[in-house]
Amino acid sequence: MPIYEYECKKCGNNFEKLIFNIKDTSITCPDCGAKQVKRLLSTARVIGGGIQNCVPRPGPAKGFS
């Protein structure tokens, strides 16, 4: 279940919404209640890790012998 980021076209509020069904069109602004919202392109979040988890660790050489 992804969390999408939206911007209200009426008041400019940015908010996030957990979406259970991608075809759900009942998204409304939590501040003003407007239904004119635009889904934003947001970046992915990595939880529970850091750059040290992305770097290959030294180990035995693998390949053909």
PDB file of N, CA and C in Angstrom:
ATOM      1  N   MET A   1       0.831  -1.175   0.000  1.00  0.00           N
ATOM      2  CA  MET A   1       0.000   0.000   0.000  1.00  0.00           C
ATOM      3  C   MET A   1       0.881   1.245   0.000  1.00  0.00           C
ATOM      4  N   PRO A   2       0.949   1.900  -1.131  1.00  0.00           N
ATOM      5  CA  PRO A   2       1.821   3.070  -1.224  1.00  0.00           C
ATOM      6  C   PRO A   2       1.211   4.319  -0.595  1.00  0.00           C
ATOM      7  N   ILE A   3       2.088   5.205  -0.204  1.00  0.00           N
ATOM      8  CA  ILE A   3       1.680   6.514   0.279  1.00  0.00           C
ATOM      9  C   ILE A   3       1.976   7.495  -0.851  1.00  0.00           C
ATOM     10  N   TYR A   4       0.937   8.205  -1.293  1.00  0.00           N
ATOM     11  CA  TYR A   4       1.085   9.181  -2.361  1.00  0.00           C
ATOM     12  C   TYR A   4       1.067  10.584  -1.783  1.00  0.00           C
ATOM     13  N   GLU A   5       1.764  11.476  -2.468  1.00  0.00           N
ATOM     14  CA  GLU A   5       1.827  12.874  -2.065  1.00  0.00           C
ATOM     15  C   GLU A   5       0.955  13.681  -3.033  1.00  0.00           C
ATOM     16  N   TYR A   6       0.139  14.583  -2.481  1.00  0.00           N
ATOM     17  CA  TYR A   6      -0.792  15.371  -3.274  1.00  0.00           C
ATOM     18  C   TYR A   6      -0.628  16.853  -2.985  1.00  0.00           C
ATOM     19  N   GLU A   7      -1.067  17.665  -3.952  1.00  0.00           N
ATOM     20  CA  GLU A   7      -1.127  19.111  -3.770  1.00  0.00           C
ATOM     21  C   GLU A   7      -2.537  19.562  -4.137  1.00  0.00           C
ATOM     22  N   CYS A   8      -3.147  20.356  -3.254  1.00  0.00           N
ATOM     23  CA  CYS A   8      -4.478  20.883  -3.502  1.00  0.00           C
ATOM     24  C   CYS A   8      -4.367  22.042  -4.483  1.00  0.00           C
ATOM     25  N   LYS A   9      -5.186  21.997  -5.549  1.00  0.00           N
ATOM     26  CA  LYS A   9      -5.160  23.061  -6.550  1.00  0.00           C
ATOM     27  C   LYS A   9      -5.887  24.310  -6.054  1.00  0.00           C
ATOM     28  N   LYS A  10      -6.715  24.159  -5.023  1.00  0.00           N
ATOM     29  CA  LYS A  10      -7.480  25.302  -4.520  1.00  0.00           C
ATOM     30  C   LYS A  10      -6.692  26.110  -3.489  1.00  0.00           C
ATOM     31  N   CYS A  11      -6.121  25.440  -2.483  1.00  0.00           N
ATOM     32  CA  CYS A  11      -5.454  26.169  -1.396  1.00  0.00           C
ATOM     33  C   CYS A  11      -3.935  25.983  -1.387  1.00  0.00           C
ATOM     34  N   GLY A  12      -3.402  25.055  -2.218  1.00  0.00           N
ATOM     35  CA  GLY A  12      -1.961  24.856  -2.292  1.00  0.00           C
ATOM     36  C   GLY A  12      -1.383  23.955  -1.215  1.00  0.00           C
ATOM     37  N   ASN A  13      -2.214  23.359  -0.391  1.00  0.00           N
ATOM     38  CA  ASN A  13      -1.761  22.465   0.679  1.00  0.00           C
ATOM     39  C   ASN A  13      -1.134  21.203   0.095  1.00  0.00           C
ATOM     40  N   ASN A  14       0.014  20.786   0.624  1.00  0.00           N
ATOM     41  CA  ASN A  14       0.642  19.509   0.275  1.00  0.00           C
ATOM     42  C   ASN A  14       0.341  18.516   1.381  1.00  0.00           C
ATOM     43  N   PHE A  15      -0.082  17.305   1.000  1.00  0.00           N
ATOM     44  CA  PHE A  15      -0.405  16.291   1.989  1.00  0.00           C
ATOM     45  C   PHE A  15      -0.136  14.909   1.426  1.00  0.00           C
ATOM     46  N   GLU A  16      -0.041  13.933   2.323  1.00  0.00           N
ATOM     47  CA  GLU A  16       0.184  12.540   1.943  1.00  0.00           C
ATOM     48  C   GLU A  16      -1.058  11.728   2.254  1.00  0.00           C
ATOM     49  N   LYS A  17      -1.264  10.674   1.464  1.00  0.00           N
ATOM     50  CA  LYS A  17      -2.437   9.820   1.652  1.00  0.00           C
ATOM     51  C   LYS A  17      -2.050   8.375   1.379  1.00  0.00           C
ATOM     52  N   LEU A  18      -2.406   7.491   2.300  1.00  0.00           N
ATOM     53  CA  LEU A  18      -2.204   6.054   2.119  1.00  0.00           C
ATOM     54  C   LEU A  18      -3.329   5.547   1.223  1.00  0.00           C
ATOM     55  N   ILE A  19      -2.975   4.946   0.100  1.00  0.00           N
ATOM     56  CA  ILE A  19      -3.960   4.524  -0.889  1.00  0.00           C
ATOM     57  C   ILE A  19      -4.085   3.003  -0.884  1.00  0.00           C
ATOM     58  N   PHE A  20      -5.291   2.527  -0.675  1.00  0.00           N
ATOM     59  CA  PHE A  20      -5.552   1.097  -0.693  1.00  0.00           C
ATOM     60  C   PHE A  20      -5.921   0.616  -2.098  1.00  0.00           C
ATOM     61  N   ASN A  21      -6.536   1.495  -2.884  1.00  0.00           N
ATOM     62  CA  ASN A  21      -6.960   1.157  -4.241  1.00  0.00           C
ATOM     63  C   ASN A  21      -6.509   2.279  -5.163  1.00  0.00           C
ATOM     64  N   ILE A  22      -5.675   1.986  -6.144  1.00  0.00           N
ATOM     65  CA  ILE A  22      -5.115   3.000  -7.035  1.00  0.00           C
ATOM     66  C   ILE A  22      -6.205   3.722  -7.818  1.00  0.00           C
ATOM     67  N   LYS A  23      -7.359   3.107  -7.999  1.00  0.00           N
ATOM     68  CA  LYS A  23      -8.459   3.726  -8.744  1.00  0.00           C
ATOM     69  C   LYS A  23      -9.343   4.602  -7.859  1.00  0.00           C
ATOM     70  N   ASP A  24      -8.968   4.771  -6.598  1.00  0.00           N
ATOM     71  CA  ASP A  24      -9.730   5.600  -5.670  1.00  0.00           C
ATOM     72  C   ASP A  24      -9.663   7.057  -6.117  1.00  0.00           C
ATOM     73  N   THR A  25     -10.805   7.645  -6.429  1.00  0.00           N
ATOM     74  CA  THR A  25     -10.856   9.032  -6.890  1.00  0.00           C
ATOM     75  C   THR A  25     -11.466   9.956  -5.847  1.00  0.00           C
ATOM     76  N   SER A  26     -11.624   9.483  -4.630  1.00  0.00           N
ATOM     77  CA  SER A  26     -12.272  10.285  -3.593  1.00  0.00           C
ATOM     78  C   SER A  26     -11.264  11.031  -2.722  1.00  0.00           C
ATOM     79  N   ILE A  27     -10.115  11.401  -3.280  1.00  0.00           N
ATOM     80  CA  ILE A  27      -9.083  12.115  -2.529  1.00  0.00           C
ATOM     81  C   ILE A  27      -9.515  13.566  -2.374  1.00  0.00           C
ATOM     82  N   THR A  28      -9.549  14.046  -1.143  1.00  0.00           N
ATOM     83  CA  THR A  28      -9.896  15.437  -0.878  1.00  0.00           C
ATOM     84  C   THR A  28      -8.833  16.072   0.005  1.00  0.00           C
ATOM     85  N   CYS A  29      -8.704  17.380  -0.104  1.00  0.00           N
ATOM     86  CA  CYS A  29      -7.738  18.125   0.699  1.00  0.00           C
ATOM     87  C   CYS A  29      -8.193  18.117   2.162  1.00  0.00           C
ATOM     88  N   PRO A  30      -7.310  17.747   3.085  1.00  0.00           N
ATOM     89  CA  PRO A  30      -7.699  17.727   4.504  1.00  0.00           C
ATOM     90  C   PRO A  30      -7.899  19.133   5.082  1.00  0.00           C
ATOM     91  N   ASP A  31      -7.356  20.171   4.434  1.00  0.00           N
ATOM     92  CA  ASP A  31      -7.510  21.542   4.944  1.00  0.00           C
ATOM     93  C   ASP A  31      -8.805  22.196   4.483  1.00  0.00           C
ATOM     94  N   CYS A  32      -9.048  22.187   3.158  1.00  0.00           N
ATOM     95  CA  CYS A  32     -10.210  22.922   2.644  1.00  0.00           C
ATOM     96  C   CYS A  32     -11.323  22.017   2.113  1.00  0.00           C
ATOM     97  N   GLY A  33     -11.040  20.699   1.951  1.00  0.00           N
ATOM     98  CA  GLY A  33     -12.066  19.761   1.488  1.00  0.00           C
ATOM     99  C   GLY A  33     -12.243  19.713  -0.023  1.00  0.00           C
ATOM    100  N   ALA A  34     -11.419  20.446  -0.766  1.00  0.00           N
ATOM    101  CA  ALA A  34     -11.536  20.466  -2.229  1.00  0.00           C
ATOM    102  C   ALA A  34     -11.165  19.113  -2.826  1.00  0.00           C
ATOM    103  N   LYS A  35     -11.831  18.768  -3.926  1.00  0.00           N
ATOM    104  CA  LYS A  35     -11.542  17.515  -4.623  1.00  0.00           C
ATOM    105  C   LYS A  35     -10.568  17.725  -5.776  1.00  0.00           C
ATOM    106  N   GLN A  36     -10.161  18.959  -6.024  1.00  0.00           N
ATOM    107  CA  GLN A  36      -9.230  19.264  -7.104  1.00  0.00           C
ATOM    108  C   GLN A  36      -7.813  19.143  -6.564  1.00  0.00           C
ATOM    109  N   VAL A  37      -7.297  17.921  -6.587  1.00  0.00           N
ATOM    110  CA  VAL A  37      -5.949  17.656  -6.090  1.00  0.00           C
ATOM    111  C   VAL A  37      -5.110  17.046  -7.206  1.00  0.00           C
ATOM    112  N   LYS A  38      -3.813  17.249  -7.128  1.00  0.00           N
ATOM    113  CA  LYS A  38      -2.881  16.730  -8.124  1.00  0.00           C
ATOM    114  C   LYS A  38      -1.878  15.834  -7.413  1.00  0.00           C
ATOM    115  N   ARG A  39      -1.699  14.632  -7.930  1.00  0.00           N
ATOM    116  CA  ARG A  39      -0.707  13.725  -7.349  1.00  0.00           C
ATOM    117  C   ARG A  39       0.672  14.182  -7.784  1.00  0.00           C
ATOM    118  N   LEU A  40       1.579  14.279  -6.841  1.00  0.00           N
ATOM    119  CA  LEU A  40       2.929  14.748  -7.097  1.00  0.00           C
ATOM    120  C   LEU A  40       3.879  13.580  -7.282  1.00  0.00           C
ATOM    121  N   LEU A  41       4.955  13.832  -7.986  1.00  0.00           N
ATOM    122  CA  LEU A  41       6.014  12.857  -8.134  1.00  0.00           C
ATOM    123  C   LEU A  41       6.928  13.016  -6.925  1.00  0.00           C
ATOM    124  N   SER A  42       7.008  12.010  -6.105  1.00  0.00           N
ATOM    125  CA  SER A  42       7.814  12.114  -4.892  1.00  0.00           C
ATOM    126  C   SER A  42       8.953  11.110  -4.931  1.00  0.00           C
ATOM    127  N   THR A  43       9.923  11.333  -4.078  1.00  0.00           N
ATOM    128  CA  THR A  43      11.092  10.461  -4.028  1.00  0.00           C
ATOM    129  C   THR A  43      10.823   9.260  -3.140  1.00  0.00           C
ATOM    130  N   ALA A  44      11.571   8.205  -3.363  1.00  0.00           N
ATOM    131  CA  ALA A  44      11.446   7.005  -2.546  1.00  0.00           C
ATOM    132  C   ALA A  44      12.142   7.224  -1.213  1.00  0.00           C
ATOM    133  N   ARG A  45      11.625   6.598  -0.186  1.00  0.00           N
ATOM    134  CA  ARG A  45      12.228   6.691   1.139  1.00  0.00           C
ATOM    135  C   ARG A  45      12.790   5.329   1.531  1.00  0.00           C
ATOM    136  N   VAL A  46      13.970   5.355   2.110  1.00  0.00           N
ATOM    137  CA  VAL A  46      14.588   4.128   2.614  1.00  0.00           C
ATOM    138  C   VAL A  46      14.558   4.212   4.128  1.00  0.00           C
ATOM    139  N   ILE A  47      13.959   3.219   4.744  1.00  0.00           N
ATOM    140  CA  ILE A  47      13.821   3.214   6.195  1.00  0.00           C
ATOM    141  C   ILE A  47      14.706   2.118   6.766  1.00  0.00           C
ATOM    142  N   GLY A  48      15.427   2.450   7.826  1.00  0.00           N
ATOM    143  CA  GLY A  48      16.220   1.450   8.530  1.00  0.00           C
ATOM    144  C   GLY A  48      17.547   1.146   7.879  1.00  0.00           C
ATOM    145  N   GLY A  49      18.069   2.074   7.159  1.00  0.00           N
ATOM    146  CA  GLY A  49      19.351   1.824   6.521  1.00  0.00           C
ATOM    147  C   GLY A  49      20.049   3.118   6.214  1.00  0.00           C
ATOM    148  N   GLY A  50      21.213   2.991   5.768  1.00  0.00           N
ATOM    149  CA  GLY A  50      22.001   4.149   5.387  1.00  0.00           C
ATOM    150  C   GLY A  50      22.911   3.776   4.241  1.00  0.00           C
ATOM    151  N   ILE A  51      23.807   4.649   3.923  1.00  0.00           N
ATOM    152  CA  ILE A  51      24.710   4.412   2.809  1.00  0.00           C
ATOM    153  C   ILE A  51      25.586   3.187   3.038  1.00  0.00           C
ATOM    154  N   GLN A  52      25.882   2.885   4.305  1.00  0.00           N
ATOM    155  CA  GLN A  52      26.723   1.717   4.580  1.00  0.00           C
ATOM    156  C   GLN A  52      26.053   0.423   4.136  1.00  0.00           C
ATOM    157  N   ASN A  53      24.728   0.401   4.021  1.00  0.00           N
ATOM    158  CA  ASN A  53      24.024  -0.797   3.571  1.00  0.00           C
ATOM    159  C   ASN A  53      24.022  -0.935   2.059  1.00  0.00           C
ATOM    160  N   CYS A  54      24.432   0.111   1.336  1.00  0.00           N
ATOM    161  CA  CYS A  54      24.420   0.094  -0.122  1.00  0.00           C
ATOM    162  C   CYS A  54      25.784  -0.218  -0.726  1.00  0.00           C
ATOM    163  N   VAL A  55      26.796  -0.215   0.071  1.00  0.00           N
ATOM    164  CA  VAL A  55      28.159  -0.424  -0.412  1.00  0.00           C
ATOM    165  C   VAL A  55      28.501  -1.913  -0.316  1.00  0.00           C
ATOM    166  N   PRO A  56      29.019  -2.516  -1.393  1.00  0.00           N
ATOM    167  CA  PRO A  56      29.386  -3.934  -1.321  1.00  0.00           C
ATOM    168  C   PRO A  56      30.461  -4.163  -0.263  1.00  0.00           C
ATOM    169  N   ARG A  57      30.324  -5.217   0.458  1.00  0.00           N
ATOM    170  CA  ARG A  57      31.295  -5.566   1.490  1.00  0.00           C
ATOM    171  C   ARG A  57      32.334  -6.522   0.928  1.00  0.00           C
ATOM    172  N   PRO A  58      33.583  -6.386   1.385  1.00  0.00           N
ATOM    173  CA  PRO A  58      34.605  -7.310   0.884  1.00  0.00           C
ATOM    174  C   PRO A  58      34.307  -8.746   1.314  1.00  0.00           C
ATOM    175  N   GLY A  59      34.601  -9.647   0.477  1.00  0.00           N
ATOM    176  CA  GLY A  59      34.369 -11.050   0.776  1.00  0.00           C
ATOM    177  C   GLY A  59      35.167 -11.908  -0.186  1.00  0.00           C
ATOM    178  N   PRO A  60      34.915 -13.202  -0.163  1.00  0.00           N
ATOM    179  CA  PRO A  60      35.640 -14.079  -1.089  1.00  0.00           C
ATOM    180  C   PRO A  60      35.307 -13.743  -2.522  1.00  0.00           C
ATOM    181  N   ALA A  61      36.315 -13.839  -3.367  1.00  0.00           N
ATOM    182  CA  ALA A  61      36.128 -13.535  -4.790  1.00  0.00           C
ATOM    183  C   ALA A  61      35.208 -14.596  -5.397  1.00  0.00           C
ATOM    184  N   LYS A  62      34.316 -14.131  -6.237  1.00  0.00           N
ATOM    185  CA  LYS A  62      33.392 -15.042  -6.909  1.00  0.00           C
ATOM    186  C   LYS A  62      33.668 -14.974  -8.399  1.00  0.00           C
ATOM    187  N   GLY A  63      33.470 -16.045  -9.052  1.00  0.00           N
ATOM    188  CA  GLY A  63      33.690 -16.072 -10.501  1.00  0.00           C
ATOM    189  C   GLY A  63      34.091 -17.464 -10.936  1.00  0.00           C
ATOM    190  N   PHE A  64      34.591 -17.539 -12.148  1.00  0.00           N
ATOM    191  CA  PHE A  64      35.009 -18.819 -12.694  1.00  0.00           C
ATOM    192  C   PHE A  64      36.434 -19.144 -12.274  1.00  0.00           C
ATOM    193  N   SER A  65      36.719 -20.428 -12.071  1.00  0.00           N
ATOM    194  CA  SER A  65      38.087 -20.824 -11.700  1.00  0.00           C
ATOM    195  C   SER A  65      38.724 -21.617 -12.800  1.00  0.00           C
TER     196      SER A  65
END
